[in-house]
N, C-alpha and C. Protein backbone atom coordinates (compact mmCIF):
# COMPACT_ATOMS: atom_id res chain seq x y z
N MET A 1 56.95 23.39 -47.11
CA MET A 1 56.69 22.18 -46.92
C MET A 1 55.52 21.62 -47.04
N GLU A 2 55.89 20.23 -47.28
CA GLU A 2 54.49 19.14 -48.40
C GLU A 2 53.70 18.99 -47.19
N LYS A 3 52.31 18.72 -47.12
CA LYS A 3 51.37 18.33 -46.65
C LYS A 3 52.49 17.30 -45.52
N ASN A 4 53.12 16.04 -45.96
CA ASN A 4 52.92 14.64 -45.67
C ASN A 4 54.66 14.72 -45.19
N GLU A 5 54.93 15.75 -45.25
CA GLU A 5 56.31 15.91 -44.67
C GLU A 5 56.61 16.18 -43.58
N LYS A 6 57.17 15.01 -42.57
CA LYS A 6 57.35 15.22 -41.30
C LYS A 6 58.05 16.18 -40.96
N LYS A 7 57.57 17.13 -40.00
CA LYS A 7 58.70 18.54 -39.54
C LYS A 7 59.61 17.52 -38.39
N GLU A 8 60.47 17.76 -38.41
CA GLU A 8 61.75 17.02 -37.38
C GLU A 8 62.20 17.87 -36.33
N SER A 9 61.99 16.63 -35.79
CA SER A 9 61.98 17.72 -34.43
C SER A 9 63.56 18.42 -33.90
N LEU A 10 63.63 19.01 -32.65
CA LEU A 10 64.94 19.31 -32.04
C LEU A 10 65.74 18.57 -32.36
N GLU A 11 65.69 17.63 -31.26
CA GLU A 11 66.71 16.43 -31.58
C GLU A 11 67.33 15.92 -32.32
N GLU A 12 65.93 15.29 -33.63
CA GLU A 12 66.32 15.18 -34.77
C GLU A 12 67.32 15.94 -35.14
N MET A 13 66.99 17.09 -35.91
CA MET A 13 68.34 18.10 -36.06
C MET A 13 69.26 18.40 -35.83
N PHE A 14 69.62 18.09 -34.46
CA PHE A 14 70.62 18.26 -33.37
C PHE A 14 71.80 16.86 -33.21
N ALA A 15 70.75 15.70 -34.11
CA ALA A 15 71.73 14.46 -33.89
C ALA A 15 72.45 14.83 -35.69
N VAL A 16 71.55 15.48 -36.81
CA VAL A 16 72.11 15.42 -37.74
C VAL A 16 72.92 16.39 -37.98
N LEU A 17 73.13 17.46 -37.45
CA LEU A 17 73.94 18.84 -36.69
C LEU A 17 75.15 18.50 -36.46
N GLU A 18 75.52 17.21 -35.38
CA GLU A 18 76.56 16.34 -35.07
C GLU A 18 77.26 15.09 -35.63
N LYS A 19 76.91 14.80 -36.54
CA LYS A 19 76.69 13.69 -37.81
C LYS A 19 77.56 14.91 -38.36
N THR A 20 77.11 15.97 -39.14
CA THR A 20 77.87 16.67 -40.18
C THR A 20 79.24 16.82 -39.40
N VAL A 21 79.03 17.99 -37.98
CA VAL A 21 80.66 18.44 -37.91
C VAL A 21 81.70 16.63 -37.59
N ASN A 22 81.16 15.80 -37.16
CA ASN A 22 82.02 14.73 -36.78
C ASN A 22 82.52 14.58 -38.28
N GLN A 23 81.76 14.33 -39.11
CA GLN A 23 82.14 14.18 -40.63
C GLN A 23 83.27 15.28 -40.74
N MET A 24 82.72 16.69 -40.90
CA MET A 24 84.03 17.63 -41.12
C MET A 24 85.06 17.12 -40.46
N GLU A 25 85.37 16.77 -39.00
CA GLU A 25 86.57 16.68 -38.58
C GLU A 25 87.22 15.56 -38.77
N THR A 26 86.27 14.34 -38.95
CA THR A 26 87.47 12.82 -39.14
C THR A 26 87.77 12.72 -40.79
N GLU A 27 86.80 13.20 -41.55
CA GLU A 27 86.94 12.09 -42.92
C GLU A 27 87.80 13.36 -43.83
N GLU A 28 88.68 12.78 -44.66
CA GLU A 28 89.73 13.71 -45.63
C GLU A 28 88.17 14.56 -46.78
N LEU A 29 88.12 15.48 -46.53
CA LEU A 29 86.67 15.64 -47.36
C LEU A 29 87.84 16.98 -48.95
N SER A 30 87.02 17.63 -49.79
CA SER A 30 87.19 17.90 -51.08
C SER A 30 87.11 19.56 -49.89
N LEU A 31 87.64 20.60 -50.53
CA LEU A 31 87.44 21.67 -50.55
C LEU A 31 85.80 21.95 -50.82
N GLU A 32 85.32 21.56 -51.76
CA GLU A 32 84.09 21.34 -52.18
C GLU A 32 83.38 21.17 -51.04
N ASP A 33 83.69 19.17 -50.87
CA ASP A 33 82.85 19.04 -49.66
C ASP A 33 82.73 19.82 -48.75
N SER A 34 83.58 19.87 -48.36
CA SER A 34 83.50 20.84 -46.54
C SER A 34 83.09 21.99 -46.82
N PHE A 35 82.55 22.58 -48.13
CA PHE A 35 82.03 23.87 -48.13
C PHE A 35 80.71 23.61 -48.03
N ALA A 36 79.96 22.59 -48.65
CA ALA A 36 78.93 21.74 -48.66
C ALA A 36 78.31 21.57 -47.63
N LEU A 37 79.35 20.53 -46.48
CA LEU A 37 78.59 20.17 -45.45
C LEU A 37 78.69 21.80 -44.28
N TYR A 38 79.43 22.32 -44.72
CA TYR A 38 79.30 23.72 -44.06
C TYR A 38 78.16 24.10 -44.42
N HIS A 39 77.76 24.70 -45.29
CA HIS A 39 76.36 25.36 -45.62
C HIS A 39 75.49 23.95 -45.34
N LYS A 40 75.17 22.81 -45.08
CA LYS A 40 74.11 21.97 -44.34
C LYS A 40 74.12 22.21 -42.72
N GLY A 41 75.11 22.54 -42.32
CA GLY A 41 75.43 22.78 -40.68
C GLY A 41 74.72 24.20 -40.47
N MET A 42 75.02 24.74 -40.93
CA MET A 42 74.52 26.61 -40.87
C MET A 42 72.88 26.23 -41.49
N ASP A 43 72.80 25.54 -42.19
CA ASP A 43 71.08 25.29 -42.44
C ASP A 43 70.49 25.23 -40.99
N LEU A 44 71.12 23.96 -40.52
CA LEU A 44 70.61 23.17 -39.58
C LEU A 44 70.44 23.99 -38.85
N LEU A 45 71.83 24.83 -37.78
CA LEU A 45 71.41 25.74 -37.28
C LEU A 45 70.18 26.87 -37.18
N LYS A 46 70.29 27.37 -38.48
CA LYS A 46 69.13 28.06 -38.32
C LYS A 46 67.83 28.03 -38.70
N LYS A 47 67.44 26.47 -38.38
CA LYS A 47 65.75 25.81 -38.24
C LYS A 47 66.14 26.03 -36.96
N CYS A 48 67.22 25.41 -36.06
CA CYS A 48 66.77 25.25 -34.99
C CYS A 48 66.81 26.29 -33.85
N SER A 49 67.40 27.40 -34.55
CA SER A 49 67.54 28.27 -33.97
C SER A 49 65.55 29.18 -33.96
N SER A 50 65.44 28.89 -34.89
CA SER A 50 63.82 28.99 -35.96
C SER A 50 62.87 28.26 -34.51
N THR A 51 63.11 27.38 -34.88
CA THR A 51 62.27 26.51 -33.80
C THR A 51 62.06 27.00 -32.15
N ILE A 52 63.79 26.99 -31.67
CA ILE A 52 63.82 27.39 -30.04
C ILE A 52 62.34 29.00 -30.46
N ASP A 53 63.15 29.31 -30.99
CA ASP A 53 62.25 31.13 -31.10
C ASP A 53 60.35 30.67 -31.23
N GLN A 54 60.34 29.57 -31.99
CA GLN A 54 58.60 29.24 -31.66
C GLN A 54 58.52 28.59 -30.54
N VAL A 55 59.20 27.81 -29.92
CA VAL A 55 58.95 27.46 -28.47
C VAL A 55 58.81 27.94 -27.92
N GLU A 56 60.01 29.19 -27.35
CA GLU A 56 59.77 30.36 -26.70
C GLU A 56 59.13 31.08 -26.58
N LYS A 57 58.13 31.83 -27.11
CA LYS A 57 57.26 32.52 -28.10
C LYS A 57 55.83 31.65 -27.36
N LYS A 58 55.77 30.41 -26.90
CA LYS A 58 54.15 29.47 -26.70
C LYS A 58 54.43 29.10 -25.54
N MET A 59 56.07 29.44 -24.69
CA MET A 59 55.75 29.29 -23.39
C MET A 59 54.98 29.94 -22.57
N LEU A 60 54.35 29.33 -21.49
CA LEU A 60 53.54 30.49 -20.35
C LEU A 60 53.90 29.89 -19.28
N VAL A 61 53.92 30.83 -18.35
CA VAL A 61 54.22 30.95 -17.23
C VAL A 61 53.06 31.19 -15.92
N LEU A 62 53.45 30.08 -15.12
CA LEU A 62 51.96 29.76 -14.28
C LEU A 62 52.75 31.05 -12.26
N ASP A 63 51.86 32.11 -12.67
CA ASP A 63 51.51 32.63 -11.49
C ASP A 63 51.46 32.24 -10.29
N GLU A 64 51.70 32.88 -8.65
CA GLU A 64 51.11 32.17 -7.51
C GLU A 64 49.85 32.02 -7.39
N GLU A 65 49.44 32.53 -8.42
CA GLU A 65 47.98 32.07 -8.56
C GLU A 65 47.74 31.91 -8.91
N GLY A 66 47.76 31.11 -9.96
CA GLY A 66 47.77 29.66 -10.42
C GLY A 66 47.58 30.44 -11.92
N GLU A 67 47.17 31.56 -12.21
CA GLU A 67 47.21 31.89 -13.30
C GLU A 67 48.50 32.01 -14.61
N THR A 68 48.07 31.91 -16.11
CA THR A 68 48.72 31.60 -16.80
C THR A 68 49.17 33.25 -17.56
N HIS A 69 50.10 33.66 -17.88
CA HIS A 69 51.21 34.39 -18.79
C HIS A 69 51.70 34.41 -19.80
N GLU A 70 52.15 34.15 -20.89
CA GLU A 70 53.08 34.51 -21.40
C GLU A 70 54.07 34.46 -21.07
N PHE A 71 55.28 33.47 -21.58
CA PHE A 71 56.88 34.24 -21.12
C PHE A 71 57.50 35.10 -21.60
N GLU A 72 57.82 35.99 -20.87
CA GLU A 72 58.47 37.67 -21.59
C GLU A 72 60.07 37.05 -21.02
N MET A 73 61.25 37.39 -22.14
CA MET A 73 62.04 37.43 -22.12
C MET A 73 62.79 39.05 -21.29
C-alpha cells in the first residue's frame, strides 16, 4: 500500500461488498463477470476479516479495579 493511499474503513468495505452482492443478484452478467465479482467479494471479505482480527487484538478490557488488560477470547 502506498503512503498516500487511504486505508478503507470497515464500513466502506462493507458498503462495497453490499454493492457487489447486489450487482450479482440483480444484473444479467456473463459467467466471466460473475466470477470477477465473486473474486472481488471474496477479497473484500478477507480484508474485512483481517481488519476485525486486528481490532480484536487491540481491544482492552477494564477490570473491576479500573485496570486495563488485553481482551482474550
